Amino acid sequence: MRVSSLTFSTAALSGIRDEQAAIARLSQQIARGEHMLAPKDAPVQAARVMELTDRIALRQQYLANQDKARLALNHQGTVLQGIRQVLEHARGILMGASPSHEPALREQYAQLIENDYRQLKDLANTRDPSGNYLFSGFKTSTEPFQHTQVAPGPGTSSGTTYAGDTGTRSIEIDLGRRIQVNDNLDVGVMRAGEPNDLLQGIDQIAIDLRTPTLTQAQLDAAVTRLNLALDDLGLIERRVAAAQQEIADTQAVTRAILNEEKDALGRLVELDQAAAIIELQRRQVTLEAAQRAYARTSGLSLFNYL
């Protein structure tokens, strides 16, 4: 069977174009590091890639939420530690005070208690790094604890009003799992010893320390109020510690699953660079040989044999 020059030329050119297309594709794959350049190349595999990509994105969002929750709880934990230190300091001062002390000494005690009151109120009105008040419930832009004084001078009463609400905020750290990231001091620490709240009680005992009618019962009641507040504070601290541990455990699981999903995605899309380079070199050699053969063949004619 004779093969015409046209048929041979057409087949040779087709082979050259195929090799060029294969080389171009390999070059793209090597440049991108992926063997699947478009979903149509492998529809089933592409669907799996999209599924994994979506899951990885969701997992990364949960990790970001976990970090946000962790930072919020850490910040609150630091503030709670400061509150504990102030309460313990005030308790120590009051336990050392006595109605029989000289007025000058009781004045010093009163000034120390006033300082503790201001520190405690400032801590209770702490903002988080985003500028939200920690202990104001859902009213994150409202200063929760505000001081009011009925009249100036020794022996008068003062108070602290709460302007927040009882809401607690939470963040979704995993599918269907939310974690509380703030507490409300008004229903615990700041309401120890009803009917007077803690801040008002501390402010009032500072006033009482300056009066000649100070009694041991007043001092004992103030110490009791502080002890109750410290107990309430302990409950909040334990809740925060448990939440911090839950986040740490959840983060460990999330990171492990995320790494597995990334590995699975990598196996689906990543290119074997070494094998691809070898294949590219082989095809380049084949293409060059085909081009040389075509050039020699296309240059032949009947006159070369005459």
C-alpha atoms as a PDB file:
ATOM      1  CA  MET A   1       0.000   0.000   0.000  1.00  0.00           C
ATOM      2  CA  ARG A   2       1.419   3.352  -1.039  1.00  0.00           C
ATOM      3  CA  VAL A   3       1.193   6.367   1.296  1.00  0.00           C
ATOM      4  CA  SER A   4       0.913   9.655  -0.529  1.00  0.00           C
ATOM      5  CA  SER A   5       3.118  12.594   0.371  1.00  0.00           C
ATOM      6  CA  LEU A   6       0.039  14.578   1.429  1.00  0.00           C
ATOM      7  CA  THR A   7      -1.166  11.852   3.774  1.00  0.00           C
ATOM      8  CA  PHE A   8       2.269  11.505   5.319  1.00  0.00           C
ATOM      9  CA  SER A   9       2.631  15.262   5.693  1.00  0.00           C
ATOM     10  CA  THR A  10      -0.800  15.613   7.299  1.00  0.00           C
ATOM     11  CA  ALA A  11      -0.086  12.799   9.786  1.00  0.00           C
ATOM     12  CA  ALA A  12       3.330  14.225  10.602  1.00  0.00           C
ATOM     13  CA  LEU A  13       1.970  17.718  11.202  1.00  0.00           C
ATOM     14  CA  SER A  14      -0.843  16.307  13.350  1.00  0.00           C
ATOM     15  CA  GLY A  15       1.697  14.432  15.459  1.00  0.00           C
ATOM     16  CA  ILE A  16       3.810  17.567  15.858  1.00  0.00           C
ATOM     17  CA  ARG A  17       0.786  19.596  16.955  1.00  0.00           C
ATOM     18  CA  ASP A  18      -0.184  16.911  19.478  1.00  0.00           C
ATOM     19  CA  GLU A  19       3.309  16.954  20.960  1.00  0.00           C
ATOM     20  CA  GLN A  20       3.298  20.749  21.115  1.00  0.00           C
ATOM     21  CA  ALA A  21      -0.085  20.721  22.881  1.00  0.00           C
ATOM     22  CA  ALA A  22       1.155  18.104  25.346  1.00  0.00           C
ATOM     23  CA  ILE A  23       4.308  20.139  26.014  1.00  0.00           C
ATOM     24  CA  ALA A  24       2.274  23.304  26.558  1.00  0.00           C
ATOM     25  CA  ARG A  25      -0.007  21.486  29.014  1.00  0.00           C
ATOM     26  CA  LEU A  26       2.926  19.985  30.895  1.00  0.00           C
ATOM     27  CA  SER A  27       4.545  23.413  31.099  1.00  0.00           C
ATOM     28  CA  GLN A  28       1.348  24.861  32.603  1.00  0.00           C
ATOM     29  CA  GLN A  29       1.083  21.990  35.072  1.00  0.00           C
ATOM     30  CA  ILE A  30       4.689  22.450  36.177  1.00  0.00           C
ATOM     31  CA  ALA A  31       4.246  26.231  36.515  1.00  0.00           C
ATOM     32  CA  ARG A  32       1.110  25.841  38.654  1.00  0.00           C
ATOM     33  CA  GLY A  33       2.227  22.723  40.477  1.00  0.00           C
ATOM     34  CA  GLU A  34      -1.116  21.088  39.695  1.00  0.00           C
ATOM     35  CA  HIS A  35      -1.968  18.300  37.329  1.00  0.00           C
ATOM     36  CA  MET A  36      -5.655  19.291  36.959  1.00  0.00           C
ATOM     37  CA  LEU A  37      -5.866  22.594  35.117  1.00  0.00           C
ATOM     38  CA  ALA A  38      -9.661  22.724  34.670  1.00  0.00           C
ATOM     39  CA  PRO A  39     -12.668  20.863  36.158  1.00  0.00           C
ATOM     40  CA  LYS A  40     -13.472  19.352  32.766  1.00  0.00           C
ATOM     41  CA  ASP A  41     -10.158  17.470  32.908  1.00  0.00           C
ATOM     42  CA  ALA A  42     -11.538  15.236  35.693  1.00  0.00           C
ATOM     43  CA  PRO A  43     -15.157  16.031  36.694  1.00  0.00           C
ATOM     44  CA  VAL A  44     -15.375  13.570  39.592  1.00  0.00           C
ATOM     45  CA  GLN A  45     -12.021  14.638  40.974  1.00  0.00           C
ATOM     46  CA  ALA A  46     -12.945  18.299  40.494  1.00  0.00           C
ATOM     47  CA  ALA A  47     -16.107  17.833  42.571  1.00  0.00           C
ATOM     48  CA  ARG A  48     -14.049  16.308  45.359  1.00  0.00           C
ATOM     49  CA  VAL A  49     -11.582  19.203  45.148  1.00  0.00           C
ATOM     50  CA  MET A  50     -14.408  21.737  45.479  1.00  0.00           C
ATOM     51  CA  GLU A  51     -15.853  19.871  48.456  1.00  0.00           C
ATOM     52  CA  LEU A  52     -12.502  19.773  50.222  1.00  0.00           C
ATOM     53  CA  THR A  53     -11.818  23.410  49.408  1.00  0.00           C
ATOM     54  CA  ASP A  54     -15.134  24.463  50.969  1.00  0.00           C
ATOM     55  CA  ARG A  55     -14.517  22.359  54.064  1.00  0.00           C
ATOM     56  CA  ILE A  56     -11.018  23.764  54.482  1.00  0.00           C
ATOM     57  CA  ALA A  57     -12.356  27.322  54.209  1.00  0.00           C
ATOM     58  CA  LEU A  58     -14.997  26.582  56.851  1.00  0.00           C
ATOM     59  CA  ARG A  59     -12.431  24.931  59.112  1.00  0.00           C
ATOM     60  CA  GLN A  60     -10.155  27.954  58.792  1.00  0.00           C
ATOM     61  CA  GLN A  61     -13.051  30.231  59.745  1.00  0.00           C
ATOM     62  CA  TYR A  62     -13.653  28.125  62.843  1.00  0.00           C
ATOM     63  CA  LEU A  63      -9.962  28.426  63.718  1.00  0.00           C
ATOM     64  CA  ALA A  64     -10.234  32.201  63.392  1.00  0.00           C
ATOM     65  CA  ASN A  65     -13.316  32.159  65.645  1.00  0.00           C
ATOM     66  CA  GLN A  66     -11.493  29.995  68.160  1.00  0.00           C
ATOM     67  CA  ASP A  67      -8.608  32.453  68.256  1.00  0.00           C
ATOM     68  CA  LYS A  68     -11.040  35.323  68.723  1.00  0.00           C
ATOM     69  CA  ALA A  69     -12.781  33.500  71.576  1.00  0.00           C
ATOM     70  CA  ARG A  70      -9.461  32.538  73.144  1.00  0.00           C
ATOM     71  CA  LEU A  71      -8.221  36.135  73.108  1.00  0.00           C
ATOM     72  CA  ALA A  72     -11.516  37.400  74.565  1.00  0.00           C
ATOM     73  CA  LEU A  73     -11.407  34.877  77.402  1.00  0.00           C
ATOM     74  CA  ASN A  74      -7.730  35.527  78.072  1.00  0.00           C
ATOM     75  CA  HIS A  75      -8.434  39.250  78.277  1.00  0.00           C
ATOM     76  CA  GLN A  76     -11.330  38.691  80.646  1.00  0.00           C
ATOM     77  CA  GLY A  77      -9.234  36.296  82.712  1.00  0.00           C
ATOM     78  CA  THR A  78      -6.592  38.980  83.179  1.00  0.00           C
ATOM     79  CA  VAL A  79      -9.239  41.492  84.282  1.00  0.00           C
ATOM     80  CA  LEU A  80     -10.779  38.984  86.702  1.00  0.00           C
ATOM     81  CA  GLN A  81      -7.353  38.412  88.224  1.00  0.00           C
ATOM     82  CA  GLY A  82      -7.041  42.152  88.752  1.00  0.00           C
ATOM     83  CA  ILE A  83     -10.488  42.254  90.375  1.00  0.00           C
ATOM     84  CA  ARG A  84      -9.482  39.430  92.725  1.00  0.00           C
ATOM     85  CA  GLN A  85      -6.347  41.277  93.787  1.00  0.00           C
ATOM     86  CA  VAL A  86      -8.311  44.446  94.545  1.00  0.00           C
ATOM     87  CA  LEU A  87     -10.974  42.561  96.517  1.00  0.00           C
ATOM     88  CA  GLU A  88      -8.354  40.717  98.548  1.00  0.00           C
ATOM     89  CA  HIS A  89      -6.499  43.950  99.236  1.00  0.00           C
ATOM     90  CA  ALA A  90      -9.695  45.685 100.408  1.00  0.00           C
ATOM     91  CA  ARG A  91     -10.576  42.720 102.620  1.00  0.00           C
ATOM     92  CA  GLY A  92      -7.142  42.820 104.211  1.00  0.00           C
ATOM     93  CA  ILE A  93      -7.485  46.534 104.943  1.00  0.00           C
ATOM     94  CA  LEU A  94     -10.911  46.133 106.529  1.00  0.00           C
ATOM     95  CA  MET A  95      -9.856  43.119 108.578  1.00  0.00           C
ATOM     96  CA  GLY A  96      -7.073  45.257 110.030  1.00  0.00           C
ATOM     97  CA  ALA A  97      -9.336  48.232 110.780  1.00  0.00           C
ATOM     98  CA  SER A  98     -11.087  48.842 114.097  1.00  0.00           C
ATOM     99  CA  PRO A  99     -13.546  51.410 115.472  1.00  0.00           C
ATOM    100  CA  SER A 100     -11.038  52.024 118.275  1.00  0.00           C
ATOM    101  CA  HIS A 101      -8.348  53.290 115.890  1.00  0.00           C
ATOM    102  CA  GLU A 102      -7.446  56.950 115.891  1.00  0.00           C
ATOM    103  CA  PRO A 103      -9.281  59.094 113.312  1.00  0.00           C
ATOM    104  CA  ALA A 104      -6.029  59.754 111.424  1.00  0.00           C
ATOM    105  CA  LEU A 105      -5.415  56.008 111.004  1.00  0.00           C
ATOM    106  CA  ARG A 106      -9.013  55.379 109.967  1.00  0.00           C
ATOM    107  CA  GLU A 107      -8.630  58.184 107.415  1.00  0.00           C
ATOM    108  CA  GLN A 108      -5.667  56.338 105.919  1.00  0.00           C
ATOM    109  CA  TYR A 109      -7.746  53.167 105.743  1.00  0.00           C
ATOM    110  CA  ALA A 110     -10.575  55.113 104.117  1.00  0.00           C
ATOM    111  CA  GLN A 111      -8.227  56.490 101.448  1.00  0.00           C
ATOM    112  CA  LEU A 112      -6.929  52.986 100.686  1.00  0.00           C
ATOM    113  CA  ILE A 113     -10.475  51.669 100.372  1.00  0.00           C
ATOM    114  CA  GLU A 114     -11.384  54.580  98.090  1.00  0.00           C
ATOM    115  CA  ASN A 115      -8.446  53.685  95.870  1.00  0.00           C
ATOM    116  CA  ASP A 116      -9.639  50.082  95.781  1.00  0.00           C
ATOM    117  CA  TYR A 117     -13.127  51.282  94.857  1.00  0.00           C
ATOM    118  CA  ARG A 118     -11.801  53.307  91.937  1.00  0.00           C
ATOM    119  CA  GLN A 119      -9.617  50.431  90.740  1.00  0.00           C
ATOM    120  CA  LEU A 120     -12.488  47.965  91.009  1.00  0.00           C
ATOM    121  CA  LYS A 121     -14.866  50.257  89.124  1.00  0.00           C
ATOM    122  CA  ASP A 122     -12.270  50.824  86.406  1.00  0.00           C
ATOM    123  CA  LEU A 123     -11.722  47.086  86.052  1.00  0.00           C
ATOM    124  CA  ALA A 124     -15.475  46.446  85.942  1.00  0.00           C
ATOM    125  CA  ASN A 125     -15.663  49.040  83.146  1.00  0.00           C
ATOM    126  CA  THR A 126     -12.820  47.526  81.137  1.00  0.00           C
ATOM    127  CA  ARG A 127     -13.071  47.466  77.359  1.00  0.00           C
ATOM    128  CA  ASP A 128     -11.810  44.606  75.233  1.00  0.00           C
ATOM    129  CA  PRO A 129      -9.300  45.131  72.366  1.00  0.00           C
ATOM    130  CA  SER A 130     -12.242  45.864  70.037  1.00  0.00           C
ATOM    131  CA  GLY A 131     -13.472  48.686  72.258  1.00  0.00           C
ATOM    132  CA  ASN A 132     -16.464  46.811  73.710  1.00  0.00           C
ATOM    133  CA  TYR A 133     -17.191  46.868  77.430  1.00  0.00           C
ATOM    134  CA  LEU A 134     -16.490  43.422  78.859  1.00  0.00           C
ATOM    135  CA  PHE A 135     -19.183  43.335  81.527  1.00  0.00           C
ATOM    136  CA  SER A 136     -22.063  45.278  79.983  1.00  0.00           C
ATOM    137  CA  GLY A 137     -23.905  42.314  78.457  1.00  0.00           C
ATOM    138  CA  PHE A 138     -25.215  43.069  74.985  1.00  0.00           C
ATOM    139  CA  LYS A 139     -24.857  46.824  75.562  1.00  0.00           C
ATOM    140  CA  THR A 140     -21.246  46.702  74.503  1.00  0.00           C
ATOM    141  CA  SER A 141     -20.974  50.462  73.950  1.00  0.00           C
ATOM    142  CA  THR A 142     -22.473  51.411  77.327  1.00  0.00           C
ATOM    143  CA  GLU A 143     -20.276  51.895  80.388  1.00  0.00           C
ATOM    144  CA  PRO A 144     -21.818  49.335  82.756  1.00  0.00           C
ATOM    145  CA  PHE A 145     -20.948  50.663  86.242  1.00  0.00           C
ATOM    146  CA  GLN A 146     -21.567  54.333  86.941  1.00  0.00           C
ATOM    147  CA  HIS A 147     -20.955  56.129  90.220  1.00  0.00           C
ATOM    148  CA  THR A 148     -23.565  58.354  91.816  1.00  0.00           C
ATOM    149  CA  GLN A 149     -23.304  60.295  95.061  1.00  0.00           C
ATOM    150  CA  VAL A 150     -26.330  61.622  96.889  1.00  0.00           C
ATOM    151  CA  ALA A 151     -24.498  64.437  98.648  1.00  0.00           C
ATOM    152  CA  PRO A 152     -20.855  65.284  99.303  1.00  0.00           C
ATOM    153  CA  GLY A 153     -19.204  65.010 102.662  1.00  0.00           C
ATOM    154  CA  PRO A 154     -18.591  62.431 105.438  1.00  0.00           C
ATOM    155  CA  GLY A 155     -21.437  60.250 106.493  1.00  0.00           C
ATOM    156  CA  THR A 156     -23.394  60.597 103.267  1.00  0.00           C
ATOM    157  CA  SER A 157     -24.348  57.676 101.085  1.00  0.00           C
ATOM    158  CA  SER A 158     -23.339  56.973  97.516  1.00  0.00           C
ATOM    159  CA  GLY A 159     -24.128  54.308  95.023  1.00  0.00           C
ATOM    160  CA  THR A 160     -23.170  52.593  91.805  1.00  0.00           C
ATOM    161  CA  THR A 161     -25.753  51.978  89.144  1.00  0.00           C
ATOM    162  CA  TYR A 162     -25.544  49.249  86.515  1.00  0.00           C
ATOM    163  CA  ALA A 163     -26.326  50.438  82.975  1.00  0.00           C
ATOM    164  CA  GLY A 164     -25.703  47.192  81.118  1.00  0.00           C
ATOM    165  CA  ASP A 165     -27.945  44.156  80.758  1.00  0.00           C
ATOM    166  CA  THR A 166     -27.761  40.483  81.705  1.00  0.00           C
ATOM    167  CA  GLY A 167     -26.820  39.222  78.248  1.00  0.00           C
ATOM    168  CA  THR A 168     -23.792  37.038  77.592  1.00  0.00           C
ATOM    169  CA  ARG A 169     -22.098  36.904  74.203  1.00  0.00           C
ATOM    170  CA  SER A 170     -20.901  33.739  72.474  1.00  0.00           C
ATOM    171  CA  ILE A 171     -18.884  32.724  69.406  1.00  0.00           C
ATOM    172  CA  GLU A 172     -19.350  29.654  67.190  1.00  0.00           C
ATOM    173  CA  ILE A 173     -16.146  27.630  67.467  1.00  0.00           C
ATOM    174  CA  ASP A 174     -17.295  24.543  65.556  1.00  0.00           C
ATOM    175  CA  LEU A 175     -20.346  23.224  63.786  1.00  0.00           C
ATOM    176  CA  GLY A 176     -23.221  23.628  66.252  1.00  0.00           C
ATOM    177  CA  ARG A 177     -20.849  24.590  69.103  1.00  0.00           C
ATOM    178  CA  ARG A 178     -20.834  28.045  70.628  1.00  0.00           C
ATOM    179  CA  ILE A 179     -18.811  29.215  73.601  1.00  0.00           C
ATOM    180  CA  GLN A 180     -19.556  32.039  76.029  1.00  0.00           C
ATOM    181  CA  VAL A 181     -16.871  34.725  75.853  1.00  0.00           C
ATOM    182  CA  ASN A 182     -18.018  37.243  78.465  1.00  0.00           C
ATOM    183  CA  ASP A 183     -19.629  37.304  81.888  1.00  0.00           C
ATOM    184  CA  ASN A 184     -22.000  39.640  83.635  1.00  0.00           C
ATOM    185  CA  LEU A 185     -20.677  40.888  86.962  1.00  0.00           C
ATOM    186  CA  ASP A 186     -23.999  42.458  87.895  1.00  0.00           C
ATOM    187  CA  VAL A 187     -25.587  39.072  88.569  1.00  0.00           C
ATOM    188  CA  GLY A 188     -22.643  37.803  90.606  1.00  0.00           C
ATOM    189  CA  VAL A 189     -19.682  39.698  91.977  1.00  0.00           C
ATOM    190  CA  MET A 190     -21.280  43.131  91.924  1.00  0.00           C
ATOM    191  CA  ARG A 191     -24.477  41.871  93.569  1.00  0.00           C
ATOM    192  CA  ALA A 192     -22.862  40.109  96.501  1.00  0.00           C
ATOM    193  CA  GLY A 193     -24.542  40.947  99.777  1.00  0.00           C
ATOM    194  CA  GLU A 194     -27.890  42.242  98.547  1.00  0.00           C
ATOM    195  CA  PRO A 195     -29.570  44.688  98.862  1.00  0.00           C
ATOM    196  CA  ASN A 196     -26.409  46.796  98.463  1.00  0.00           C
ATOM    197  CA  ASP A 197     -24.150  45.930  95.568  1.00  0.00           C
ATOM    198  CA  LEU A 198     -20.450  45.362  96.106  1.00  0.00           C
ATOM    199  CA  LEU A 199     -19.184  48.611  94.612  1.00  0.00           C
ATOM    200  CA  GLN A 200     -21.662  50.631  96.616  1.00  0.00           C
ATOM    201  CA  GLY A 201     -20.725  48.690  99.739  1.00  0.00           C
ATOM    202  CA  ILE A 202     -17.002  49.381  99.292  1.00  0.00           C
ATOM    203  CA  ASP A 203     -17.633  53.052  98.612  1.00  0.00           C
ATOM    204  CA  GLN A 204     -19.915  53.270 101.648  1.00  0.00           C
ATOM    205  CA  ILE A 205     -17.470  51.629 104.055  1.00  0.00           C
ATOM    206  CA  ALA A 206     -14.845  54.176 102.987  1.00  0.00           C
ATOM    207  CA  ILE A 207     -17.321  56.870 104.076  1.00  0.00           C
ATOM    208  CA  ASP A 208     -18.144  55.032 107.307  1.00  0.00           C
ATOM    209  CA  LEU A 209     -14.461  54.713 108.233  1.00  0.00           C
ATOM    210  CA  ARG A 210     -14.355  58.504 108.581  1.00  0.00           C
ATOM    211  CA  THR A 211     -17.309  58.693 110.967  1.00  0.00           C
ATOM    212  CA  PRO A 212     -16.940  58.538 114.775  1.00  0.00           C
ATOM    213  CA  THR A 213     -19.932  56.178 114.931  1.00  0.00           C
ATOM    214  CA  LEU A 214     -18.167  53.383 113.011  1.00  0.00           C
ATOM    215  CA  THR A 215     -19.006  49.965 114.498  1.00  0.00           C
ATOM    216  CA  GLN A 216     -17.348  46.589 114.287  1.00  0.00           C
ATOM    217  CA  ALA A 217     -20.571  45.223 112.813  1.00  0.00           C
ATOM    218  CA  GLN A 218     -20.181  47.569 109.848  1.00  0.00           C
ATOM    219  CA  LEU A 219     -16.632  46.364 109.280  1.00  0.00           C
ATOM    220  CA  ASP A 220     -17.654  42.712 109.639  1.00  0.00           C
ATOM    221  CA  ALA A 221     -20.533  43.172 107.179  1.00  0.00           C
ATOM    222  CA  ALA A 222     -18.153  44.726 104.643  1.00  0.00           C
ATOM    223  CA  VAL A 223     -15.705  41.815 105.024  1.00  0.00           C
ATOM    224  CA  THR A 224     -18.569  39.331 104.611  1.00  0.00           C
ATOM    225  CA  ARG A 225     -19.653  41.143 101.443  1.00  0.00           C
ATOM    226  CA  LEU A 226     -16.105  40.875 100.090  1.00  0.00           C
ATOM    227  CA  ASN A 227     -15.921  37.174 100.938  1.00  0.00           C
ATOM    228  CA  LEU A 228     -19.163  36.541  99.071  1.00  0.00           C
ATOM    229  CA  ALA A 229     -17.856  38.512  96.106  1.00  0.00           C
ATOM    230  CA  LEU A 230     -14.648  36.481  96.058  1.00  0.00           C
ATOM    231  CA  ASP A 231     -16.708  33.274  96.085  1.00  0.00           C
ATOM    232  CA  ASP A 232     -18.781  34.533  93.143  1.00  0.00           C
ATOM    233  CA  LEU A 233     -15.620  35.598  91.375  1.00  0.00           C
ATOM    234  CA  GLY A 234     -14.235  32.094  91.803  1.00  0.00           C
ATOM    235  CA  LEU A 235     -17.250  30.657  89.976  1.00  0.00           C
ATOM    236  CA  ILE A 236     -16.653  33.001  87.041  1.00  0.00           C
ATOM    237  CA  GLU A 237     -12.932  32.251  87.000  1.00  0.00           C
ATOM    238  CA  ARG A 238     -13.612  28.505  86.891  1.00  0.00           C
ATOM    239  CA  ARG A 239     -16.082  28.963  84.032  1.00  0.00           C
ATOM    240  CA  VAL A 240     -13.520  30.985  82.087  1.00  0.00           C
ATOM    241  CA  ALA A 241     -10.799  28.385  82.746  1.00  0.00           C
ATOM    242  CA  ALA A 242     -13.087  25.588  81.545  1.00  0.00           C
ATOM    243  CA  ALA A 243     -13.967  27.563  78.423  1.00  0.00           C
ATOM    244  CA  GLN A 244     -10.282  28.206  77.729  1.00  0.00           C
ATOM    245  CA  GLN A 245      -9.557  24.497  77.997  1.00  0.00           C
ATOM    246  CA  GLU A 246     -12.489  23.666  75.722  1.00  0.00           C
ATOM    247  CA  ILE A 247     -11.146  26.059  73.104  1.00  0.00           C
ATOM    248  CA  ALA A 248      -7.648  24.600  73.369  1.00  0.00           C
ATOM    249  CA  ASP A 249      -9.025  21.072  72.896  1.00  0.00           C
ATOM    250  CA  THR A 250     -11.231  22.169  70.006  1.00  0.00           C
ATOM    251  CA  GLN A 251      -8.341  23.969  68.314  1.00  0.00           C
ATOM    252  CA  ALA A 252      -6.170  20.863  68.517  1.00  0.00           C
ATOM    253  CA  VAL A 253      -8.874  18.752  66.850  1.00  0.00           C
ATOM    254  CA  THR A 254      -9.665  21.424  64.248  1.00  0.00           C
ATOM    255  CA  ARG A 255      -6.001  21.805  63.281  1.00  0.00           C
ATOM    256  CA  ALA A 256      -5.538  18.039  63.004  1.00  0.00           C
ATOM    257  CA  ILE A 257      -8.589  17.647  60.751  1.00  0.00           C
ATOM    258  CA  LEU A 258      -7.577  20.698  58.721  1.00  0.00           C
ATOM    259  CA  ASN A 259      -4.126  19.235  58.104  1.00  0.00           C
ATOM    260  CA  GLU A 260      -5.677  15.949  56.983  1.00  0.00           C
ATOM    261  CA  GLU A 261      -8.013  17.773  54.593  1.00  0.00           C
ATOM    262  CA  LYS A 262      -5.158  19.848  53.195  1.00  0.00           C
ATOM    263  CA  ASP A 263      -3.121  16.674  52.649  1.00  0.00           C
ATOM    264  CA  ALA A 264      -6.071  15.051  50.878  1.00  0.00           C
ATOM    265  CA  LEU A 265      -6.510  18.131  48.695  1.00  0.00           C
ATOM    266  CA  GLY A 266      -2.821  18.136  47.925  1.00  0.00           C
ATOM    267  CA  ARG A 267      -2.928  14.532  46.799  1.00  0.00           C
ATOM    268  CA  LEU A 268      -5.803  15.380  44.472  1.00  0.00           C
ATOM    269  CA  VAL A 269      -4.349  18.454  42.806  1.00  0.00           C
ATOM    270  CA  GLU A 270      -0.600  18.546  43.367  1.00  0.00           C
ATOM    271  CA  LEU A 271       1.669  17.529  40.523  1.00  0.00           C
ATOM    272  CA  ASP A 272       4.549  15.070  40.727  1.00  0.00           C
ATOM    273  CA  GLN A 273       7.101  17.650  39.613  1.00  0.00           C
ATOM    274  CA  ALA A 274       9.931  15.187  38.985  1.00  0.00           C
ATOM    275  CA  ALA A 275       7.786  12.881  36.843  1.00  0.00           C
ATOM    276  CA  ALA A 276       6.306  15.835  34.965  1.00  0.00           C
ATOM    277  CA  ILE A 277       9.740  17.283  34.164  1.00  0.00           C
ATOM    278  CA  ILE A 278      10.952  13.910  32.884  1.00  0.00           C
ATOM    279  CA  GLU A 279       7.831  13.603  30.730  1.00  0.00           C
ATOM    280  CA  LEU A 280       8.317  17.145  29.431  1.00  0.00           C
ATOM    281  CA  GLN A 281      11.915  16.428  28.472  1.00  0.00           C
ATOM    282  CA  ARG A 282      10.889  13.187  26.746  1.00  0.00           C
ATOM    283  CA  ARG A 283       8.226  14.943  24.713  1.00  0.00           C
ATOM    284  CA  GLN A 284      10.575  17.763  23.784  1.00  0.00           C
ATOM    285  CA  VAL A 285      13.044  15.214  22.423  1.00  0.00           C
ATOM    286  CA  THR A 286      10.225  13.451  20.540  1.00  0.00           C
ATOM    287  CA  LEU A 287       9.007  16.770  19.121  1.00  0.00           C
ATOM    288  CA  GLU A 288      12.466  17.790  17.946  1.00  0.00           C
ATOM    289  CA  ALA A 289      12.945  14.396  16.253  1.00  0.00           C
ATOM    290  CA  ALA A 290       9.540  14.643  14.582  1.00  0.00           C
ATOM    291  CA  GLN A 291      10.274  18.154  13.365  1.00  0.00           C
ATOM    292  CA  ARG A 292      13.622  17.101  11.882  1.00  0.00           C
ATOM    293  CA  ALA A 293      12.041  14.076  10.200  1.00  0.00           C
ATOM    294  CA  TYR A 294       9.268  16.208   8.744  1.00  0.00           C
ATOM    295  CA  ALA A 295      11.727  18.795   7.477  1.00  0.00           C
ATOM    296  CA  ARG A 296      13.831  16.151   5.728  1.00  0.00           C
ATOM    297  CA  THR A 297      10.815  14.373   4.270  1.00  0.00           C
ATOM    298  CA  SER A 298       9.088  17.502   3.062  1.00  0.00           C
ATOM    299  CA  GLY A 299      12.297  18.540   1.251  1.00  0.00           C
ATOM    300  CA  LEU A 300      12.430  15.397  -0.879  1.00  0.00           C
ATOM    301  CA  SER A 301      11.202  15.460  -4.504  1.00  0.00           C
ATOM    302  CA  LEU A 302      11.566  13.448  -7.675  1.00  0.00           C
ATOM    303  CA  PHE A 303      14.347  15.763  -8.842  1.00  0.00           C
ATOM    304  CA  ASN A 304      16.566  14.579  -5.961  1.00  0.00           C
ATOM    305  CA  TYR A 305      16.701  11.184  -7.636  1.00  0.00           C
ATOM    306  CA  LEU A 306      17.334  12.301 -11.236  1.00  0.00           C
END
